PDB file of N, CA and C in Angstrom:
ATOM      1  N   MET A   1     175.939  41.649-120.223  1.00  0.00           N
ATOM      2  CA  MET A   1     176.633  42.766-119.621  1.00  0.00           C
ATOM      3  C   MET A   1     175.663  43.941-119.447  1.00  0.00           C
ATOM      4  N   SER A   2     175.828  44.628-118.355  1.00  0.00           N
ATOM      5  CA  SER A   2     174.999  45.799-118.080  1.00  0.00           C
ATOM      6  C   SER A   2     175.878  47.040-118.065  1.00  0.00           C
ATOM      7  N   LEU A   3     175.226  48.183-117.983  1.00  0.00           N
ATOM      8  CA  LEU A   3     175.950  49.442-117.892  1.00  0.00           C
ATOM      9  C   LEU A   3     176.915  49.399-116.714  1.00  0.00           C
ATOM     10  N   LYS A   4     176.456  48.910-115.595  1.00  0.00           N
ATOM     11  CA  LYS A   4     177.285  48.859-114.390  1.00  0.00           C
ATOM     12  C   LYS A   4     178.558  48.030-114.637  1.00  0.00           C
ATOM     13  N   ASP A   5     178.440  46.962-115.393  1.00  0.00           N
ATOM     14  CA  ASP A   5     179.604  46.119-115.708  1.00  0.00           C
ATOM     15  C   ASP A   5     180.615  46.842-116.607  1.00  0.00           C
ATOM     16  N   ASP A   6     180.136  47.812-117.381  1.00  0.00           N
ATOM     17  CA  ASP A   6     180.993  48.506-118.337  1.00  0.00           C
ATOM     18  C   ASP A   6     181.692  49.741-117.769  1.00  0.00           C
ATOM     19  N   LEU A   7     181.338  50.137-116.559  1.00  0.00           N
ATOM     20  CA  LEU A   7     181.909  51.345-115.967  1.00  0.00           C
ATOM     21  C   LEU A   7     183.318  51.095-115.440  1.00  0.00           C
ATOM     22  N   LEU A   8     184.121  52.151-115.434  1.00  0.00           N
ATOM     23  CA  LEU A   8     185.449  52.080-114.817  1.00  0.00           C
ATOM     24  C   LEU A   8     185.286  52.366-113.331  1.00  0.00           C
ATOM     25  N   PRO A   9     185.449  51.361-112.480  1.00  0.00           N
ATOM     26  CA  PRO A   9     185.207  51.557-111.053  1.00  0.00           C
ATOM     27  C   PRO A   9     186.152  52.554-110.395  1.00  0.00           C
ATOM     28  N   GLU A  10     187.328  52.766-110.977  1.00  0.00           N
ATOM     29  CA  GLU A  10     188.276  53.692-110.373  1.00  0.00           C
ATOM     30  C   GLU A  10     187.902  55.159-110.595  1.00  0.00           C
ATOM     31  N   LEU A  11     186.960  55.412-111.502  1.00  0.00           N
ATOM     32  CA  LEU A  11     186.512  56.784-111.731  1.00  0.00           C
ATOM     33  C   LEU A  11     185.492  57.192-110.682  1.00  0.00           C
ATOM     34  N   GLU A  12     185.581  58.450-110.254  1.00  0.00           N
ATOM     35  CA  GLU A  12     184.563  58.981-109.363  1.00  0.00           C
ATOM     36  C   GLU A  12     183.217  58.874-110.076  1.00  0.00           C
ATOM     37  N   GLU A  13     182.171  58.698-109.323  1.00  0.00           N
ATOM     38  CA  GLU A  13     180.846  58.476-109.903  1.00  0.00           C
ATOM     39  C   GLU A  13     180.451  59.566-110.904  1.00  0.00           C
ATOM     40  N   ARG A  14     180.759  60.801-110.597  1.00  0.00           N
ATOM     41  CA  ARG A  14     180.342  61.896-111.492  1.00  0.00           C
ATOM     42  C   ARG A  14     181.038  61.851-112.850  1.00  0.00           C
ATOM     43  N   TYR A  15     182.134  61.106-112.972  1.00  0.00           N
ATOM     44  CA  TYR A  15     182.861  60.995-114.234  1.00  0.00           C
ATOM     45  C   TYR A  15     182.606  59.670-114.958  1.00  0.00           C
ATOM     46  N   GLN A  16     181.820  58.792-114.400  1.00  0.00           N
ATOM     47  CA  GLN A  16     181.664  57.452-114.969  1.00  0.00           C
ATOM     48  C   GLN A  16     180.826  57.391-116.237  1.00  0.00           C
ATOM     49  N   THR A  17     179.848  58.263-116.363  1.00  0.00           N
ATOM     50  CA  THR A  17     178.980  58.204-117.546  1.00  0.00           C
ATOM     51  C   THR A  17     178.753  59.588-118.157  1.00  0.00           C
ATOM     52  N   TYR A  18     178.365  59.561-119.410  1.00  0.00           N
ATOM     53  CA  TYR A  18     177.903  60.751-120.107  1.00  0.00           C
ATOM     54  C   TYR A  18     176.636  60.335-120.832  1.00  0.00           C
ATOM     55  N   LEU A  19     175.525  60.922-120.470  1.00  0.00           N
ATOM     56  CA  LEU A  19     174.219  60.564-121.039  1.00  0.00           C
ATOM     57  C   LEU A  19     173.949  59.062-120.949  1.00  0.00           C
ATOM     58  N   GLY A  20     174.393  58.452-119.866  1.00  0.00           N
ATOM     59  CA  GLY A  20     174.158  57.030-119.658  1.00  0.00           C
ATOM     60  C   GLY A  20     175.125  56.106-120.382  1.00  0.00           C
ATOM     61  N   ILE A  21     176.155  56.671-120.992  1.00  0.00           N
ATOM     62  CA  ILE A  21     177.166  55.894-121.720  1.00  0.00           C
ATOM     63  C   ILE A  21     178.436  55.872-120.874  1.00  0.00           C
ATOM     64  N   PRO A  22     179.072  54.716-120.727  1.00  0.00           N
ATOM     65  CA  PRO A  22     180.343  54.696-119.991  1.00  0.00           C
ATOM     66  C   PRO A  22     181.319  55.706-120.603  1.00  0.00           C
ATOM     67  N   ARG A  23     181.820  56.585-119.788  1.00  0.00           N
ATOM     68  CA  ARG A  23     182.651  57.701-120.259  1.00  0.00           C
ATOM     69  C   ARG A  23     183.879  57.251-121.046  1.00  0.00           C
ATOM     70  N   GLN A  24     184.499  56.151-120.668  1.00  0.00           N
ATOM     71  CA  GLN A  24     185.727  55.718-121.347  1.00  0.00           C
ATOM     72  C   GLN A  24     185.477  55.248-122.779  1.00  0.00           C
ATOM     73  N   LEU A  25     184.216  55.102-123.179  1.00  0.00           N
ATOM     74  CA  LEU A  25     183.899  54.703-124.554  1.00  0.00           C
ATOM     75  C   LEU A  25     183.766  55.904-125.486  1.00  0.00           C
ATOM     76  N   ILE A  26     183.779  57.102-124.901  1.00  0.00           N
ATOM     77  CA  ILE A  26     183.625  58.333-125.683  1.00  0.00           C
ATOM     78  C   ILE A  26     185.000  58.988-125.831  1.00  0.00           C
ATOM     79  N   PRO A  27     185.516  59.041-127.046  1.00  0.00           N
ATOM     80  CA  PRO A  27     186.876  59.531-127.270  1.00  0.00           C
ATOM     81  C   PRO A  27     187.002  61.063-127.260  1.00  0.00           C
ATOM     82  N   TRP A  28     186.549  61.677-126.182  1.00  0.00           N
ATOM     83  CA  TRP A  28     186.653  63.134-126.070  1.00  0.00           C
ATOM     84  C   TRP A  28     187.562  63.492-124.906  1.00  0.00           C
ATOM     85  N   PHE A  29     188.736  63.971-125.208  1.00  0.00           N
ATOM     86  CA  PHE A  29     189.683  64.439-124.202  1.00  0.00           C
ATOM     87  C   PHE A  29     190.769  65.234-124.921  1.00  0.00           C
ATOM     88  N   PRO A  30     191.459  66.098-124.194  1.00  0.00           N
ATOM     89  CA  PRO A  30     192.475  66.928-124.831  1.00  0.00           C
ATOM     90  C   PRO A  30     193.777  66.181-125.098  1.00  0.00           C
ATOM     91  N   THR A  31     194.522  66.714-126.037  1.00  0.00           N
ATOM     92  CA  THR A  31     195.877  66.278-126.317  1.00  0.00           C
ATOM     93  C   THR A  31     196.738  67.535-126.248  1.00  0.00           C
ATOM     94  N   ILE A  32     197.880  67.420-125.598  1.00  0.00           N
ATOM     95  CA  ILE A  32     198.781  68.568-125.491  1.00  0.00           C
ATOM     96  C   ILE A  32     199.999  68.327-126.373  1.00  0.00           C
ATOM     97  N   ASP A  33     200.294  69.298-127.206  1.00  0.00           N
ATOM     98  CA  ASP A  33     201.493  69.258-128.032  1.00  0.00           C
ATOM     99  C   ASP A  33     202.658  69.712-127.144  1.00  0.00           C
ATOM    100  N   ALA A  34     203.499  68.775-126.742  1.00  0.00           N
ATOM    101  CA  ALA A  34     204.600  69.071-125.818  1.00  0.00           C
ATOM    102  C   ALA A  34     205.586  70.084-126.390  1.00  0.00           C
ATOM    103  N   GLU A  35     205.702  70.127-127.701  1.00  0.00           N
ATOM    104  CA  GLU A  35     206.610  71.093-128.332  1.00  0.00           C
ATOM    105  C   GLU A  35     206.105  72.525-128.163  1.00  0.00           C
ATOM    106  N   LYS A  36     204.797  72.687-128.162  1.00  0.00           N
ATOM    107  CA  LYS A  36     204.210  74.024-128.025  1.00  0.00           C
ATOM    108  C   LYS A  36     204.016  74.445-126.570  1.00  0.00           C
ATOM    109  N   CYS A  37     203.819  73.478-125.692  1.00  0.00           N
ATOM    110  CA  CYS A  37     203.531  73.776-124.288  1.00  0.00           C
ATOM    111  C   CYS A  37     204.727  74.473-123.632  1.00  0.00           C
ATOM    112  N   ILE A  38     204.450  75.611-122.974  1.00  0.00           N
ATOM    113  CA  ILE A  38     205.505  76.352-122.283  1.00  0.00           C
ATOM    114  C   ILE A  38     205.424  76.174-120.769  1.00  0.00           C
ATOM    115  N   GLY A  39     204.499  75.322-120.315  1.00  0.00           N
ATOM    116  CA  GLY A  39     204.384  75.036-118.889  1.00  0.00           C
ATOM    117  C   GLY A  39     203.816  76.168-118.068  1.00  0.00           C
ATOM    118  N   CYS A  40     203.018  77.010-118.658  1.00  0.00           N
ATOM    119  CA  CYS A  40     202.471  78.172-117.937  1.00  0.00           C
ATOM    120  C   CYS A  40     201.354  77.803-116.959  1.00  0.00           C
ATOM    121  N   LYS A  41     200.773  76.632-117.114  1.00  0.00           N
ATOM    122  CA  LYS A  41     199.713  76.106-116.246  1.00  0.00           C
ATOM    123  C   LYS A  41     198.366  76.823-116.388  1.00  0.00           C
ATOM    124  N   GLU A  42     198.207  77.626-117.407  1.00  0.00           N
ATOM    125  CA  GLU A  42     196.929  78.325-117.590  1.00  0.00           C
ATOM    126  C   GLU A  42     195.779  77.336-117.777  1.00  0.00           C
ATOM    127  N   CYS A  43     196.036  76.232-118.471  1.00  0.00           N
ATOM    128  CA  CYS A  43     194.987  75.226-118.660  1.00  0.00           C
ATOM    129  C   CYS A  43     194.598  74.605-117.322  1.00  0.00           C
ATOM    130  N   MET A  44     195.582  74.365-116.466  1.00  0.00           N
ATOM    131  CA  MET A  44     195.318  73.796-115.138  1.00  0.00           C
ATOM    132  C   MET A  44     194.519  74.764-114.287  1.00  0.00           C
ATOM    133  N   ASN A  45     194.854  76.039-114.370  1.00  0.00           N
ATOM    134  CA  ASN A  45     194.131  77.053-113.608  1.00  0.00           C
ATOM    135  C   ASN A  45     192.692  77.183-114.082  1.00  0.00           C
ATOM    136  N   PHE A  46     192.486  76.970-115.367  1.00  0.00           N
ATOM    137  CA  PHE A  46     191.154  77.129-115.949  1.00  0.00           C
ATOM    138  C   PHE A  46     190.259  75.918-115.704  1.00  0.00           C
ATOM    139  N   CYS A  47     190.798  74.722-115.886  1.00  0.00           N
ATOM    140  CA  CYS A  47     190.001  73.489-115.800  1.00  0.00           C
ATOM    141  C   CYS A  47     189.774  73.090-114.345  1.00  0.00           C
ATOM    142  N   HIS A  48     188.520  72.976-113.952  1.00  0.00           N
ATOM    143  CA  HIS A  48     188.199  72.579-112.579  1.00  0.00           C
ATOM    144  C   HIS A  48     187.851  71.098-112.481  1.00  0.00           C
ATOM    145  N   ASP A  49     188.151  70.323-113.513  1.00  0.00           N
ATOM    146  CA  ASP A  49     187.871  68.885-113.493  1.00  0.00           C
ATOM    147  C   ASP A  49     189.137  68.038-113.376  1.00  0.00           C
ATOM    148  N   THR A  50     190.214  68.619-112.939  1.00  0.00           N
ATOM    149  CA  THR A  50     191.480  67.921-112.686  1.00  0.00           C
ATOM    150  C   THR A  50     191.940  67.036-113.850  1.00  0.00           C
ATOM    151  N   VAL A  51     191.802  67.554-115.039  1.00  0.00           N
ATOM    152  CA  VAL A  51     192.237  66.828-116.231  1.00  0.00           C
ATOM    153  C   VAL A  51     193.764  66.873-116.349  1.00  0.00           C
ATOM    154  N   TYR A  52     194.341  67.985-115.957  1.00  0.00           N
ATOM    155  CA  TYR A  52     195.763  68.223-116.189  1.00  0.00           C
ATOM    156  C   TYR A  52     196.626  68.057-114.937  1.00  0.00           C
ATOM    157  N   ALA A  53     197.913  67.811-115.174  1.00  0.00           N
ATOM    158  CA  ALA A  53     198.910  67.760-114.100  1.00  0.00           C
ATOM    159  C   ALA A  53     200.185  68.418-114.629  1.00  0.00           C
ATOM    160  N   TYR A  54     200.945  68.966-113.734  1.00  0.00           N
ATOM    161  CA  TYR A  54     202.211  69.611-114.096  1.00  0.00           C
ATOM    162  C   TYR A  54     203.360  68.679-113.730  1.00  0.00           C
ATOM    163  N   ILE A  55     204.229  68.434-114.689  1.00  0.00           N
ATOM    164  CA  ILE A  55     205.400  67.593-114.469  1.00  0.00           C
ATOM    165  C   ILE A  55     206.586  68.526-114.214  1.00  0.00           C
ATOM    166  N   GLU A  56     206.960  68.604-112.979  1.00  0.00           N
ATOM    167  CA  GLU A  56     208.007  69.549-112.557  1.00  0.00           C
ATOM    168  C   GLU A  56     209.320  69.330-113.303  1.00  0.00           C
ATOM    169  N   THR A  57     209.728  68.077-113.452  1.00  0.00           N
ATOM    170  CA  THR A  57     211.017  67.791-114.092  1.00  0.00           C
ATOM    171  C   THR A  57     211.054  68.226-115.562  1.00  0.00           C
ATOM    172  N   ASP A  58     209.907  68.131-116.228  1.00  0.00           N
ATOM    173  CA  ASP A  58     209.825  68.527-117.640  1.00  0.00           C
ATOM    174  C   ASP A  58     209.375  69.971-117.820  1.00  0.00           C
ATOM    175  N   ARG A  59     208.821  70.528-116.740  1.00  0.00           N
ATOM    176  CA  ARG A  59     208.232  71.871-116.774  1.00  0.00           C
ATOM    177  C   ARG A  59     207.177  71.966-117.876  1.00  0.00           C
ATOM    178  N   LYS A  60     206.335  70.927-117.914  1.00  0.00           N
ATOM    179  CA  LYS A  60     205.259  70.831-118.908  1.00  0.00           C
ATOM    180  C   LYS A  60     203.981  70.347-118.232  1.00  0.00           C
ATOM    181  N   VAL A  61     202.876  70.646-118.868  1.00  0.00           N
ATOM    182  CA  VAL A  61     201.573  70.148-118.432  1.00  0.00           C
ATOM    183  C   VAL A  61     201.245  68.922-119.271  1.00  0.00           C
ATOM    184  N   VAL A  62     200.644  67.924-118.619  1.00  0.00           N
ATOM    185  CA  VAL A  62     200.217  66.706-119.310  1.00  0.00           C
ATOM    186  C   VAL A  62     198.754  66.432-118.978  1.00  0.00           C
ATOM    187  N   VAL A  63     198.126  65.619-119.799  1.00  0.00           N
ATOM    188  CA  VAL A  63     196.765  65.163-119.517  1.00  0.00           C
ATOM    189  C   VAL A  63     196.899  63.998-118.544  1.00  0.00           C
ATOM    190  N   GLN A  64     196.379  64.191-117.353  1.00  0.00           N
ATOM    191  CA  GLN A  64     196.499  63.179-116.304  1.00  0.00           C
ATOM    192  C   GLN A  64     195.249  62.317-116.187  1.00  0.00           C
ATOM    193  N   ASP A  65     194.087  62.939-116.202  1.00  0.00           N
ATOM    194  CA  ASP A  65     192.816  62.221-116.045  1.00  0.00           C
ATOM    195  C   ASP A  65     191.890  62.559-117.208  1.00  0.00           C
ATOM    196  N   LYS A  66     192.150  61.927-118.350  1.00  0.00           N
ATOM    197  CA  LYS A  66     191.409  62.281-119.566  1.00  0.00           C
ATOM    198  C   LYS A  66     189.906  62.049-119.457  1.00  0.00           C
ATOM    199  N   TRP A  67     189.491  61.077-118.655  1.00  0.00           N
ATOM    200  CA  TRP A  67     188.058  60.807-118.544  1.00  0.00           C
ATOM    201  C   TRP A  67     187.351  61.824-117.655  1.00  0.00           C
ATOM    202  N   HIS A  68     188.102  62.710-117.011  1.00  0.00           N
ATOM    203  CA  HIS A  68     187.494  63.797-116.236  1.00  0.00           C
ATOM    204  C   HIS A  68     187.027  64.930-117.144  1.00  0.00           C
ATOM    205  N   CYS A  69     187.540  64.974-118.344  1.00  0.00           N
ATOM    206  CA  CYS A  69     187.167  66.038-119.278  1.00  0.00           C
ATOM    207  C   CYS A  69     185.683  65.939-119.621  1.00  0.00           C
ATOM    208  N   GLN A  70     185.003  67.072-119.543  1.00  0.00           N
ATOM    209  CA  GLN A  70     183.584  67.109-119.871  1.00  0.00           C
ATOM    210  C   GLN A  70     183.407  67.013-121.388  1.00  0.00           C
ATOM    211  N   VAL A  71     182.575  66.084-121.810  1.00  0.00           N
ATOM    212  CA  VAL A  71     182.364  65.865-123.241  1.00  0.00           C
ATOM    213  C   VAL A  71     181.917  67.162-123.911  1.00  0.00           C
ATOM    214  N   TYR A  72     182.579  67.497-124.982  1.00  0.00           N
ATOM    215  CA  TYR A  72     182.395  68.683-125.818  1.00  0.00           C
ATOM    216  C   TYR A  72     182.953  69.973-125.230  1.00  0.00           C
ATOM    217  N   CYS A  73     183.471  69.963-124.027  1.00  0.00           N
ATOM    218  CA  CYS A  73     184.093  71.161-123.471  1.00  0.00           C
ATOM    219  C   CYS A  73     185.467  71.342-124.120  1.00  0.00           C
ATOM    220  N   GLN A  74     185.738  72.539-124.545  1.00  0.00           N
ATOM    221  CA  GLN A  74     187.033  72.887-125.134  1.00  0.00           C
ATOM    222  C   GLN A  74     187.528  74.209-124.572  1.00  0.00           C
ATOM    223  N   SER A  75     186.955  74.641-123.502  1.00  0.00           N
ATOM    224  CA  SER A  75     187.251  75.966-122.965  1.00  0.00           C
ATOM    225  C   SER A  75     188.718  76.167-122.631  1.00  0.00           C
ATOM    226  N   CYS A  76     189.400  75.113-122.212  1.00  0.00           N
ATOM    227  CA  CYS A  76     190.813  75.240-121.852  1.00  0.00           C
ATOM    228  C   CYS A  76     191.668  75.659-123.038  1.00  0.00           C
ATOM    229  N   THR A  77     191.206  75.368-124.245  1.00  0.00           N
ATOM    230  CA  THR A  77     192.004  75.756-125.421  1.00  0.00           C
ATOM    231  C   THR A  77     192.153  77.269-125.498  1.00  0.00           C
ATOM    232  N   HIS A  78     191.164  77.993-125.000  1.00  0.00           N
ATOM    233  CA  HIS A  78     191.211  79.458-125.031  1.00  0.00           C
ATOM    234  C   HIS A  78     192.153  80.017-123.974  1.00  0.00           C
ATOM    235  N   ALA A  79     192.429  79.226-122.943  1.00  0.00           N
ATOM    236  CA  ALA A  79     193.343  79.660-121.884  1.00  0.00           C
ATOM    237  C   ALA A  79     194.803  79.486-122.290  1.00  0.00           C
ATOM    238  N   CYS A  80     195.060  78.597-123.227  1.00  0.00           N
ATOM    239  CA  CYS A  80     196.437  78.293-123.628  1.00  0.00           C
ATOM    240  C   CYS A  80     196.979  79.377-124.576  1.00  0.00           C
ATOM    241  N   PRO A  81     198.033  80.084-124.156  1.00  0.00           N
ATOM    242  CA  PRO A  81     198.563  81.155-125.006  1.00  0.00           C
ATOM    243  C   PRO A  81     199.355  80.644-126.217  1.00  0.00           C
ATOM    244  N   LYS A  82     199.659  79.356-126.256  1.00  0.00           N
ATOM    245  CA  LYS A  82     200.462  78.798-127.349  1.00  0.00           C
ATOM    246  C   LYS A  82     199.693  77.836-128.249  1.00  0.00           C
ATOM    247  N   ASP A  83     198.383  77.748-128.055  1.00  0.00           N
ATOM    248  CA  ASP A  83     197.547  76.869-128.887  1.00  0.00           C
ATOM    249  C   ASP A  83     198.077  75.434-128.878  1.00  0.00           C
ATOM    250  N   ALA A  84     198.466  74.965-127.689  1.00  0.00           N
ATOM    251  CA  ALA A  84     199.055  73.628-127.561  1.00  0.00           C
ATOM    252  C   ALA A  84     198.035  72.526-127.297  1.00  0.00           C
ATOM    253  N   ILE A  85     196.784  72.898-127.075  1.00  0.00           N
ATOM    254  CA  ILE A  85     195.752  71.915-126.716  1.00  0.00           C
ATOM    255  C   ILE A  85     194.822  71.682-127.899  1.00  0.00           C
ATOM    256  N   SER A  86     194.583  70.416-128.192  1.00  0.00           N
ATOM    257  CA  SER A  86     193.653  70.077-129.274  1.00  0.00           C
ATOM    258  C   SER A  86     192.684  68.996-128.803  1.00  0.00           C
ATOM    259  N   PHE A  87     191.605  68.883-129.526  1.00  0.00           N
ATOM    260  CA  PHE A  87     190.563  67.895-129.241  1.00  0.00           C
ATOM    261  C   PHE A  87     190.201  67.154-130.516  1.00  0.00           C
ATOM    262  N   PRO A  88     189.555  65.985-130.377  1.00  0.00           N
ATOM    263  CA  PRO A  88     189.097  65.254-131.569  1.00  0.00           C
ATOM    264  C   PRO A  88     188.030  66.063-132.321  1.00  0.00           C
ATOM    265  N   GLU A  89     187.763  65.648-133.522  1.00  0.00           N
ATOM    266  CA  GLU A  89     186.701  66.289-134.303  1.00  0.00           C
ATOM    267  C   GLU A  89     185.348  66.005-133.651  1.00  0.00           C
ATOM    268  N   ARG A  90     184.577  67.040-133.440  1.00  0.00           N
ATOM    269  CA  ARG A  90     183.257  66.883-132.806  1.00  0.00           C
ATOM    270  C   ARG A  90     182.363  65.938-133.603  1.00  0.00           C
ATOM    271  N   SER A  91     182.411  66.041-134.922  1.00  0.00           N
ATOM    272  CA  SER A  91     181.536  65.211-135.756  1.00  0.00           C
ATOM    273  C   SER A  91     181.821  63.726-135.544  1.00  0.00           C
ATOM    274  N   GLU A  92     183.095  63.369-135.376  1.00  0.00           N
ATOM    275  CA  GLU A  92     183.454  61.967-135.144  1.00  0.00           C
ATOM    276  C   GLU A  92     182.951  61.494-133.776  1.00  0.00           C
ATOM    277  N   VAL A  93     183.059  62.352-132.787  1.00  0.00           N
ATOM    278  CA  VAL A  93     182.592  61.999-131.444  1.00  0.00           C
ATOM    279  C   VAL A  93     181.066  61.885-131.424  1.00  0.00           C
ATOM    280  N   LYS A  94     180.393  62.795-132.101  1.00  0.00           N
ATOM    281  CA  LYS A  94     178.926  62.726-132.186  1.00  0.00           C
ATOM    282  C   LYS A  94     178.493  61.419-132.845  1.00  0.00           C
ATOM    283  N   ALA A  95     179.180  61.016-133.906  1.00  0.00           N
ATOM    284  CA  ALA A  95     178.857  59.759-134.589  1.00  0.00           C
ATOM    285  C   ALA A  95     179.065  58.578-133.643  1.00  0.00           C
ATOM    286  N   ARG A  96     180.130  58.611-132.876  1.00  0.00           N
ATOM    287  CA  ARG A  96     180.404  57.535-131.907  1.00  0.00           C
ATOM    288  C   ARG A  96     179.318  57.480-130.840  1.00  0.00           C
ATOM    289  N   ILE A  97     178.897  58.628-130.350  1.00  0.00           N
ATOM    290  CA  ILE A  97     177.840  58.665-129.334  1.00  0.00           C
ATOM    291  C   ILE A  97     176.531  58.120-129.905  1.00  0.00           C
ATOM    292  N   ARG A  98     176.207  58.486-131.138  1.00  0.00           N
ATOM    293  CA  ARG A  98     174.988  57.951-131.778  1.00  0.00           C
ATOM    294  C   ARG A  98     175.052  56.428-131.844  1.00  0.00           C
ATOM    295  N   GLU A  99     176.211  55.913-132.190  1.00  0.00           N
ATOM    296  CA  GLU A  99     176.420  54.463-132.259  1.00  0.00           C
ATOM    297  C   GLU A  99     176.256  53.825-130.873  1.00  0.00           C
ATOM    298  N   LEU A 100     176.824  54.442-129.864  1.00  0.00           N
ATOM    299  CA  LEU A 100     176.755  53.910-128.499  1.00  0.00           C
ATOM    300  C   LEU A 100     175.344  53.969-127.919  1.00  0.00           C
ATOM    301  N   ARG A 101     174.528  54.916-128.384  1.00  0.00           N
ATOM    302  CA  ARG A 101     173.155  55.040-127.884  1.00  0.00           C
ATOM    303  C   ARG A 101     172.347  53.777-128.181  1.00  0.00           C
ATOM    304  N   LYS A 102     172.729  53.045-129.200  1.00  0.00           N
ATOM    305  CA  LYS A 102     172.027  51.791-129.522  1.00  0.00           C
ATOM    306  C   LYS A 102     172.217  50.766-128.402  1.00  0.00           C
ATOM    307  N   LYS A 103     173.413  50.724-127.838  1.00  0.00           N
ATOM    308  CA  LYS A 103     173.692  49.799-126.741  1.00  0.00           C
ATOM    309  C   LYS A 103     173.264  50.367-125.397  1.00  0.00           C
ATOM    310  N   TYR A 104     173.388  51.675-125.254  1.00  0.00           N
ATOM    311  CA  TYR A 104     173.052  52.359-124.001  1.00  0.00           C
ATOM    312  C   TYR A 104     171.968  53.391-124.281  1.00  0.00           C
ATOM    313  N   PRO A 105     170.711  52.957-124.392  1.00  0.00           N
ATOM    314  CA  PRO A 105     169.641  53.915-124.697  1.00  0.00           C
ATOM    315  C   PRO A 105     169.471  54.942-123.575  1.00  0.00           C
ATOM    316  N   ALA A 106     168.869  56.061-123.952  1.00  0.00           N
ATOM    317  CA  ALA A 106     168.649  57.141-122.972  1.00  0.00           C
ATOM    318  C   ALA A 106     167.909  56.624-121.764  1.00  0.00           C
ATOM    319  N   PHE A 107     168.269  57.186-120.646  1.00  0.00           N
ATOM    320  CA  PHE A 107     167.650  56.740-119.395  1.00  0.00           C
ATOM    321  C   PHE A 107     166.316  57.326-119.243  1.00  0.00           C
TER     322      PHE A 107
END
């Protein structure tokens, strides 16, 4: 298997890898607490990587394209007035990336 075989073909090219690692293998993306979310869309207005979508019937924001999220970016959390957005622990993601570098060495 090669890097090309491991990529998600449905992802736009700019979202397919991070440092030469298939993006879907890196567990970095936001989670929204639906109980806290007030549907203000501030996260959607802030994020220019189309991670979020608004569900009109629920009047809530959801994570639509998690692999569009830029690894280690958490800026949208500052836009949320209700602290409804969370991310995985950076240390765990860094450890995973170190592990993946063995299979996908730097280009």
